[in-house]
PDB file of all heavy atoms in Angstrom:
ATOM      1  N   LEU A   1      -5.247   4.770   7.843  1.00  0.00           N
ATOM      2  CA  LEU A   1      -6.249   5.183   6.725  1.00  0.00           C
ATOM      3  C   LEU A   1      -7.547   4.601   7.014  1.00  0.00           C
ATOM      4  O   LEU A   1      -8.625   5.318   6.981  1.00  0.00           O
ATOM      5  CB  LEU A   1      -5.731   4.757   5.484  1.00  0.00           C
ATOM      6  CG  LEU A   1      -6.708   5.012   4.256  1.00  0.00           C
ATOM      7  CD1 LEU A   1      -6.965   6.530   4.114  1.00  0.00           C
ATOM      8  CD2 LEU A   1      -6.084   4.477   2.878  1.00  0.00           C
ATOM      9  N   ILE A   2      -7.728   3.311   7.379  1.00  0.00           N
ATOM     10  CA  ILE A   2      -8.902   2.721   7.656  1.00  0.00           C
ATOM     11  C   ILE A   2      -9.613   3.348   8.883  1.00  0.00           C
ATOM     12  O   ILE A   2     -10.828   3.560   8.890  1.00  0.00           O
ATOM     13  CB  ILE A   2      -8.739   1.209   7.928  1.00  0.00           C
ATOM     14  CG1 ILE A   2      -8.296   0.437   6.694  1.00  0.00           C
ATOM     15  CG2 ILE A   2      -9.959   0.527   8.541  1.00  0.00           C
ATOM     16  CD1 ILE A   2      -7.713  -0.877   6.848  1.00  0.00           C
ATOM     17  N   ASP A   3      -8.873   3.592   9.892  1.00  0.00           N
ATOM     18  CA  ASP A   3      -9.367   4.092  11.137  1.00  0.00           C
ATOM     19  C   ASP A   3      -9.944   5.489  10.970  1.00  0.00           C
ATOM     20  O   ASP A   3     -10.791   5.977  11.640  1.00  0.00           O
ATOM     21  CB  ASP A   3      -8.297   4.221  12.231  1.00  0.00           C
ATOM     22  CG  ASP A   3      -7.900   2.882  12.764  1.00  0.00           C
ATOM     23  OD1 ASP A   3      -8.649   1.945  12.583  1.00  0.00           O
ATOM     24  OD2 ASP A   3      -6.779   2.797  13.456  1.00  0.00           O
ATOM     25  N   ARG A   4      -9.481   6.259   9.928  1.00  0.00           N
ATOM     26  CA  ARG A   4     -10.020   7.695   9.581  1.00  0.00           C
ATOM     27  C   ARG A   4     -11.269   7.501   8.716  1.00  0.00           C
ATOM     28  O   ARG A   4     -11.863   8.624   8.408  1.00  0.00           O
ATOM     29  CB  ARG A   4      -8.926   8.451   8.934  1.00  0.00           C
ATOM     30  CG  ARG A   4      -7.732   8.791   9.815  1.00  0.00           C
ATOM     31  CD  ARG A   4      -6.906   9.912   9.169  1.00  0.00           C
ATOM     32  NE  ARG A   4      -6.495   9.616   7.874  1.00  0.00           N
ATOM     33  CZ  ARG A   4      -5.348   9.071   7.454  1.00  0.00           C
ATOM     34  NH1 ARG A   4      -4.484   8.628   8.410  1.00  0.00           N
ATOM     35  NH2 ARG A   4      -5.005   8.828   6.277  1.00  0.00           N
ATOM     36  N   SER A   5     -11.584   6.352   8.208  1.00  0.00           N
ATOM     37  CA  SER A   5     -12.560   6.281   7.231  1.00  0.00           C
ATOM     38  C   SER A   5     -13.814   5.528   7.691  1.00  0.00           C
ATOM     39  O   SER A   5     -13.732   4.789   8.658  1.00  0.00           O
ATOM     40  CB  SER A   5     -12.039   5.497   5.974  1.00  0.00           C
ATOM     41  OG  SER A   5     -13.097   5.101   5.130  1.00  0.00           O
ATOM     42  N   GLU A   6     -14.965   5.847   7.034  1.00  0.00           N
ATOM     43  CA  GLU A   6     -16.155   5.148   7.430  1.00  0.00           C
ATOM     44  C   GLU A   6     -16.223   3.689   6.995  1.00  0.00           C
ATOM     45  O   GLU A   6     -16.959   2.903   7.454  1.00  0.00           O
ATOM     46  CB  GLU A   6     -17.397   5.800   6.641  1.00  0.00           C
ATOM     47  CG  GLU A   6     -17.906   7.015   7.543  1.00  0.00           C
ATOM     48  CD  GLU A   6     -18.450   6.606   8.847  1.00  0.00           C
ATOM     49  OE1 GLU A   6     -19.241   5.656   8.974  1.00  0.00           O
ATOM     50  OE2 GLU A   6     -17.985   7.240   9.897  1.00  0.00           O
ATOM     51  N   ILE A   7     -15.172   3.342   6.207  1.00  0.00           N
ATOM     52  CA  ILE A   7     -15.083   1.899   5.654  1.00  0.00           C
ATOM     53  C   ILE A   7     -14.964   0.887   6.789  1.00  0.00           C
ATOM     54  O   ILE A   7     -15.475  -0.227   6.732  1.00  0.00           O
ATOM     55  CB  ILE A   7     -13.975   1.761   4.723  1.00  0.00           C
ATOM     56  CG1 ILE A   7     -13.948   0.386   3.978  1.00  0.00           C
ATOM     57  CG2 ILE A   7     -12.575   1.901   5.405  1.00  0.00           C
ATOM     58  CD1 ILE A   7     -15.286   0.204   3.170  1.00  0.00           C
ATOM     59  N   LYS A   8     -14.396   1.358   7.962  1.00  0.00           N
ATOM     60  CA  LYS A   8     -14.265   0.418   9.117  1.00  0.00           C
ATOM     61  C   LYS A   8     -15.533  -0.009   9.689  1.00  0.00           C
ATOM     62  O   LYS A   8     -15.656  -1.094  10.370  1.00  0.00           O
ATOM     63  CB  LYS A   8     -13.430   1.103  10.276  1.00  0.00           C
ATOM     64  CG  LYS A   8     -14.088   2.232  10.963  1.00  0.00           C
ATOM     65  CD  LYS A   8     -13.210   2.877  11.885  1.00  0.00           C
ATOM     66  CE  LYS A   8     -13.771   4.037  12.630  1.00  0.00           C
ATOM     67  NZ  LYS A   8     -13.890   5.217  11.751  1.00  0.00           N
ATOM     68  N   ASN A   9     -16.703   0.699   9.289  1.00  0.00           N
ATOM     69  CA  ASN A   9     -18.058   0.276   9.851  1.00  0.00           C
ATOM     70  C   ASN A   9     -18.772  -0.436   8.737  1.00  0.00           C
ATOM     71  O   ASN A   9     -19.874  -0.904   8.994  1.00  0.00           O
ATOM     72  CB  ASN A   9     -18.767   1.561  10.211  1.00  0.00           C
ATOM     73  CG  ASN A   9     -18.116   2.294  11.424  1.00  0.00           C
ATOM     74  OD1 ASN A   9     -17.690   1.710  12.353  1.00  0.00           O
ATOM     75  ND2 ASN A   9     -18.100   3.615  11.248  1.00  0.00           N
ATOM     76  N   GLN A  10     -18.200  -0.617   7.566  1.00  0.00           N
ATOM     77  CA  GLN A  10     -18.895  -1.146   6.483  1.00  0.00           C
ATOM     78  C   GLN A  10     -18.490  -2.590   5.989  1.00  0.00           C
ATOM     79  O   GLN A  10     -19.095  -3.262   5.242  1.00  0.00           O
ATOM     80  CB  GLN A  10     -18.804  -0.227   5.245  1.00  0.00           C
ATOM     81  CG  GLN A  10     -19.483   1.069   5.540  1.00  0.00           C
ATOM     82  CD  GLN A  10     -19.117   2.217   4.508  1.00  0.00           C
ATOM     83  OE1 GLN A  10     -18.082   2.084   3.795  1.00  0.00           O
ATOM     84  NE2 GLN A  10     -19.988   3.213   4.281  1.00  0.00           N
ATOM     85  N   VAL A  11     -17.185  -2.896   6.486  1.00  0.00           N
ATOM     86  CA  VAL A  11     -16.581  -4.175   6.135  1.00  0.00           C
ATOM     87  C   VAL A  11     -15.954  -4.638   7.271  1.00  0.00           C
ATOM     88  O   VAL A  11     -15.844  -3.970   8.428  1.00  0.00           O
ATOM     89  CB  VAL A  11     -15.746  -4.242   4.840  1.00  0.00           C
ATOM     90  CG1 VAL A  11     -16.409  -3.822   3.605  1.00  0.00           C
ATOM     91  CG2 VAL A  11     -14.568  -3.106   5.113  1.00  0.00           C
ATOM     92  N   ASN A  12     -15.303  -5.863   7.292  1.00  0.00           N
ATOM     93  CA  ASN A  12     -14.494  -6.363   8.480  1.00  0.00           C
ATOM     94  C   ASN A  12     -13.064  -6.481   8.026  1.00  0.00           C
ATOM     95  O   ASN A  12     -12.701  -7.121   7.085  1.00  0.00           O
ATOM     96  CB  ASN A  12     -15.013  -7.774   8.874  1.00  0.00           C
ATOM     97  CG  ASN A  12     -14.288  -8.330  10.040  1.00  0.00           C
ATOM     98  OD1 ASN A  12     -13.898  -7.527  10.945  1.00  0.00           O
ATOM     99  ND2 ASN A  12     -14.185  -9.598  10.146  1.00  0.00           N
ATOM    100  N   PHE A  13     -12.214  -5.801   8.787  1.00  0.00           N
ATOM    101  CA  PHE A  13     -10.764  -5.923   8.510  1.00  0.00           C
ATOM    102  C   PHE A  13     -10.054  -6.751   9.663  1.00  0.00           C
ATOM    103  O   PHE A  13     -10.570  -6.729  10.895  1.00  0.00           O
ATOM    104  CB  PHE A  13     -10.130  -4.534   8.730  1.00  0.00           C
ATOM    105  CG  PHE A  13     -10.360  -3.687   7.414  1.00  0.00           C
ATOM    106  CD1 PHE A  13     -11.391  -2.685   7.424  1.00  0.00           C
ATOM    107  CD2 PHE A  13      -9.641  -3.888   6.269  1.00  0.00           C
ATOM    108  CE1 PHE A  13     -11.707  -1.895   6.317  1.00  0.00           C
ATOM    109  CE2 PHE A  13      -9.848  -2.968   5.159  1.00  0.00           C
ATOM    110  CZ  PHE A  13     -10.927  -2.061   5.243  1.00  0.00           C
ATOM    111  N   MET A  14      -9.123  -7.508   9.261  1.00  0.00           N
ATOM    112  CA  MET A  14      -8.383  -8.324  10.278  1.00  0.00           C
ATOM    113  C   MET A  14      -6.972  -8.470   9.903  1.00  0.00           C
ATOM    114  O   MET A  14      -6.634  -8.535   8.722  1.00  0.00           O
ATOM    115  CB  MET A  14      -8.965  -9.744  10.419  1.00  0.00           C
ATOM    116  CG  MET A  14      -8.854 -10.606   9.227  1.00  0.00           C
ATOM    117  SD  MET A  14      -9.510 -12.295   9.500  1.00  0.00           S
ATOM    118  CE  MET A  14     -11.176 -12.042   9.650  1.00  0.00           C
ATOM    119  N   ALA A  15      -6.015  -8.369  10.828  1.00  0.00           N
ATOM    120  CA  ALA A  15      -4.600  -8.451  10.575  1.00  0.00           C
ATOM    121  C   ALA A  15      -4.315 -10.043  10.730  1.00  0.00           C
ATOM    122  O   ALA A  15      -4.492 -10.558  11.667  1.00  0.00           O
ATOM    123  CB  ALA A  15      -3.774  -7.701  11.620  1.00  0.00           C
ATOM    124  N   SER A  16      -3.901 -10.585   9.530  1.00  0.00           N
ATOM    125  CA  SER A  16      -3.577 -11.991   9.670  1.00  0.00           C
ATOM    126  C   SER A  16      -2.027 -12.293   9.851  1.00  0.00           C
ATOM    127  O   SER A  16      -1.660 -13.412  10.111  1.00  0.00           O
ATOM    128  CB  SER A  16      -4.041 -12.712   8.369  1.00  0.00           C
ATOM    129  OG  SER A  16      -3.726 -11.948   7.178  1.00  0.00           O
ATOM    130  N   SER A  17      -1.272 -11.229   9.730  1.00  0.00           N
ATOM    131  CA  SER A  17       0.236 -11.295  10.070  1.00  0.00           C
ATOM    132  C   SER A  17       0.764  -9.945  10.221  1.00  0.00           C
ATOM    133  O   SER A  17      -0.088  -8.946   9.996  1.00  0.00           O
ATOM    134  CB  SER A  17       1.002 -12.145   8.988  1.00  0.00           C
ATOM    135  OG  SER A  17       1.158 -11.338   7.798  1.00  0.00           O
ATOM    136  N   LEU A  18       1.977  -9.780  10.513  1.00  0.00           N
ATOM    137  CA  LEU A  18       2.560  -8.423  10.490  1.00  0.00           C
ATOM    138  C   LEU A  18       2.648  -7.788   9.101  1.00  0.00           C
ATOM    139  O   LEU A  18       2.686  -6.578   8.900  1.00  0.00           O
ATOM    140  CB  LEU A  18       4.001  -8.501  10.976  1.00  0.00           C
ATOM    141  CG  LEU A  18       4.253  -8.836  12.531  1.00  0.00           C
ATOM    142  CD1 LEU A  18       5.732  -8.937  12.837  1.00  0.00           C
ATOM    143  CD2 LEU A  18       3.577  -7.806  13.309  1.00  0.00           C
ATOM    144  N   TRP A  19       2.489  -8.564   8.022  1.00  0.00           N
ATOM    145  CA  TRP A  19       2.614  -8.242   6.685  1.00  0.00           C
ATOM    146  C   TRP A  19       1.298  -8.136   5.915  1.00  0.00           C
ATOM    147  O   TRP A  19       1.332  -7.976   4.723  1.00  0.00           O
ATOM    148  CB  TRP A  19       3.721  -9.070   5.939  1.00  0.00           C
ATOM    149  CG  TRP A  19       4.953  -9.126   6.638  1.00  0.00           C
ATOM    150  CD1 TRP A  19       5.968  -8.220   6.471  1.00  0.00           C
ATOM    151  CD2 TRP A  19       5.429 -10.041   7.652  1.00  0.00           C
ATOM    152  NE1 TRP A  19       7.054  -8.532   7.263  1.00  0.00           N
ATOM    153  CE2 TRP A  19       6.699  -9.702   7.998  1.00  0.00           C
ATOM    154  CE3 TRP A  19       4.888 -11.201   8.192  1.00  0.00           C
ATOM    155  CZ2 TRP A  19       7.360 -10.413   8.921  1.00  0.00           C
ATOM    156  CZ3 TRP A  19       5.600 -11.823   9.145  1.00  0.00           C
ATOM    157  CH2 TRP A  19       6.919 -11.509   9.498  1.00  0.00           C
ATOM    158  N   THR A  20       0.197  -8.529   6.513  1.00  0.00           N
ATOM    159  CA  THR A  20      -1.051  -8.655   5.864  1.00  0.00           C
ATOM    160  C   THR A  20      -2.213  -8.163   6.573  1.00  0.00           C
ATOM    161  O   THR A  20      -2.288  -8.210   7.835  1.00  0.00           O
ATOM    162  CB  THR A  20      -1.285 -10.169   5.460  1.00  0.00           C
ATOM    163  OG1 THR A  20      -1.296 -10.805   6.649  1.00  0.00           O
ATOM    164  CG2 THR A  20      -0.469 -10.715   4.416  1.00  0.00           C
ATOM    165  N   MET A  21      -3.093  -7.315   5.749  1.00  0.00           N
ATOM    166  CA  MET A  21      -4.325  -6.996   6.379  1.00  0.00           C
ATOM    167  C   MET A  21      -5.397  -7.466   5.439  1.00  0.00           C
ATOM    168  O   MET A  21      -5.264  -7.423   4.162  1.00  0.00           O
ATOM    169  CB  MET A  21      -4.398  -5.368   6.326  1.00  0.00           C
ATOM    170  CG  MET A  21      -5.735  -4.867   6.783  1.00  0.00           C
ATOM    171  SD  MET A  21      -6.044  -5.020   8.550  1.00  0.00           S
ATOM    172  CE  MET A  21      -4.985  -3.823   9.226  1.00  0.00           C
ATOM    173  N   GLU A  22      -6.469  -8.161   6.012  1.00  0.00           N
ATOM    174  CA  GLU A  22      -7.486  -8.664   5.103  1.00  0.00           C
ATOM    175  C   GLU A  22      -8.807  -8.037   5.321  1.00  0.00           C
ATOM    176  O   GLU A  22      -9.139  -7.565   6.398  1.00  0.00           O
ATOM    177  CB  GLU A  22      -7.632 -10.207   5.430  1.00  0.00           C
ATOM    178  CG  GLU A  22      -6.408 -10.961   5.185  1.00  0.00           C
ATOM    179  CD  GLU A  22      -6.576 -12.519   5.185  1.00  0.00           C
ATOM    180  OE1 GLU A  22      -7.682 -12.892   5.119  1.00  0.00           O
ATOM    181  OE2 GLU A  22      -5.485 -13.268   5.303  1.00  0.00           O
ATOM    182  N   MET A  23      -9.583  -7.916   4.185  1.00  0.00           N
ATOM    183  CA  MET A  23     -10.878  -7.311   4.236  1.00  0.00           C
ATOM    184  C   MET A  23     -11.882  -8.319   3.801  1.00  0.00           C
ATOM    185  O   MET A  23     -11.767  -8.973   2.757  1.00  0.00           O
ATOM    186  CB  MET A  23     -10.823  -6.125   3.257  1.00  0.00           C
ATOM    187  CG  MET A  23     -12.271  -5.312   3.268  1.00  0.00           C
ATOM    188  SD  MET A  23     -12.291  -3.896   2.201  1.00  0.00           S
ATOM    189  CE  MET A  23     -12.348  -4.703   0.583  1.00  0.00           C
ATOM    190  N   LEU A  24     -12.940  -8.460   4.545  1.00  0.00           N
ATOM    191  CA  LEU A  24     -14.146  -9.362   4.296  1.00  0.00           C
ATOM    192  C   LEU A  24     -15.413  -8.534   4.466  1.00  0.00           C
ATOM    193  O   LEU A  24     -15.390  -7.420   4.803  1.00  0.00           O
ATOM    194  CB  LEU A  24     -14.175 -10.503   5.190  1.00  0.00           C
ATOM    195  CG  LEU A  24     -13.028 -11.521   5.155  1.00  0.00           C
ATOM    196  CD1 LEU A  24     -11.912 -11.173   6.196  1.00  0.00           C
ATOM    197  CD2 LEU A  24     -13.476 -12.898   5.177  1.00  0.00           C
ATOM    198  N   ALA A  25     -16.496  -9.197   4.039  1.00  0.00           N
ATOM    199  CA  ALA A  25     -17.771  -8.487   4.187  1.00  0.00           C
ATOM    200  C   ALA A  25     -18.101  -8.244   5.747  1.00  0.00           C
ATOM    201  O   ALA A  25     -17.468  -8.906   6.563  1.00  0.00           O
ATOM    202  CB  ALA A  25     -18.960  -9.409   3.681  1.00  0.00           C
ATOM    203  N   LYS A  26     -18.906  -7.276   5.906  1.00  0.00           N
ATOM    204  CA  LYS A  26     -19.188  -6.944   7.297  1.00  0.00           C
ATOM    205  C   LYS A  26     -19.732  -8.044   8.094  1.00  0.00           C
ATOM    206  O   LYS A  26     -20.490  -8.856   7.582  1.00  0.00           O
ATOM    207  CB  LYS A  26     -20.305  -5.810   7.407  1.00  0.00           C
ATOM    208  CG  LYS A  26     -20.548  -5.184   8.664  1.00  0.00           C
ATOM    209  CD  LYS A  26     -21.613  -4.143   8.641  1.00  0.00           C
ATOM    210  CE  LYS A  26     -21.848  -3.521  10.086  1.00  0.00           C
ATOM    211  NZ  LYS A  26     -22.765  -2.405   9.989  1.00  0.00           N
ATOM    212  N   ASP A  27     -19.211  -8.193   9.372  1.00  0.00           N
ATOM    213  CA  ASP A  27     -19.646  -9.368  10.305  1.00  0.00           C
ATOM    214  C   ASP A  27     -19.305 -10.646   9.774  1.00  0.00           C
ATOM    215  O   ASP A  27     -19.928 -11.672  10.125  1.00  0.00           O
ATOM    216  CB  ASP A  27     -21.211  -9.260  10.585  1.00  0.00           C
ATOM    217  CG  ASP A  27     -21.584  -7.997  11.268  1.00  0.00           C
ATOM    218  OD1 ASP A  27     -20.783  -7.469  12.030  1.00  0.00           O
ATOM    219  OD2 ASP A  27     -22.609  -7.478  10.936  1.00  0.00           O
ATOM    220  N   THR A  28     -18.240 -10.730   8.924  1.00  0.00           N
ATOM    221  CA  THR A  28     -17.728 -12.117   8.324  1.00  0.00           C
ATOM    222  C   THR A  28     -16.470 -12.420   8.962  1.00  0.00           C
ATOM    223  O   THR A  28     -15.552 -11.596   8.853  1.00  0.00           O
ATOM    224  CB  THR A  28     -17.718 -11.933   6.884  1.00  0.00           C
ATOM    225  OG1 THR A  28     -19.142 -11.616   6.377  1.00  0.00           O
ATOM    226  CG2 THR A  28     -17.254 -13.320   6.274  1.00  0.00           C
ATOM    227  N   HIS A  29     -16.335 -13.579   9.411  1.00  0.00           N
ATOM    228  CA  HIS A  29     -15.047 -14.126   9.953  1.00  0.00           C
ATOM    229  C   HIS A  29     -15.221 -15.643  10.021  1.00  0.00           C
ATOM    230  O   HIS A  29     -16.332 -16.183   9.818  1.00  0.00           O
ATOM    231  CB  HIS A  29     -14.709 -13.380  11.258  1.00  0.00           C
ATOM    232  CG  HIS A  29     -15.813 -13.398  12.290  1.00  0.00           C
ATOM    233  ND1 HIS A  29     -16.221 -14.569  13.057  1.00  0.00           N
ATOM    234  CD2 HIS A  29     -16.622 -12.376  12.637  1.00  0.00           C
ATOM    235  CE1 HIS A  29     -17.210 -14.149  13.818  1.00  0.00           C
ATOM    236  NE2 HIS A  29     -17.508 -12.886  13.654  1.00  0.00           N
ATOM    237  N   LYS A  30     -14.156 -16.291  10.465  1.00  0.00           N
ATOM    238  CA  LYS A  30     -14.315 -17.838  10.649  1.00  0.00           C
ATOM    239  C   LYS A  30     -15.488 -18.312  11.528  1.00  0.00           C
ATOM    240  O   LYS A  30     -16.147 -19.253  11.220  1.00  0.00           O
ATOM    241  CB  LYS A  30     -13.033 -18.425  11.332  1.00  0.00           C
ATOM    242  CG  LYS A  30     -11.819 -18.321  10.286  1.00  0.00           C
ATOM    243  CD  LYS A  30     -10.564 -18.817  10.988  1.00  0.00           C
ATOM    244  CE  LYS A  30      -9.355 -18.792  10.120  1.00  0.00           C
ATOM    245  NZ  LYS A  30      -8.083 -19.239  10.798  1.00  0.00           N
TER     246      LYS A  30
END
């Protein structure tokens, strides 16, 4: 769903495990 949406260019997604997907502000990570 994320890959089909413009949202992937507006925030930052990261897989933190097989069971979790996290969303942060764009260009935000550790």
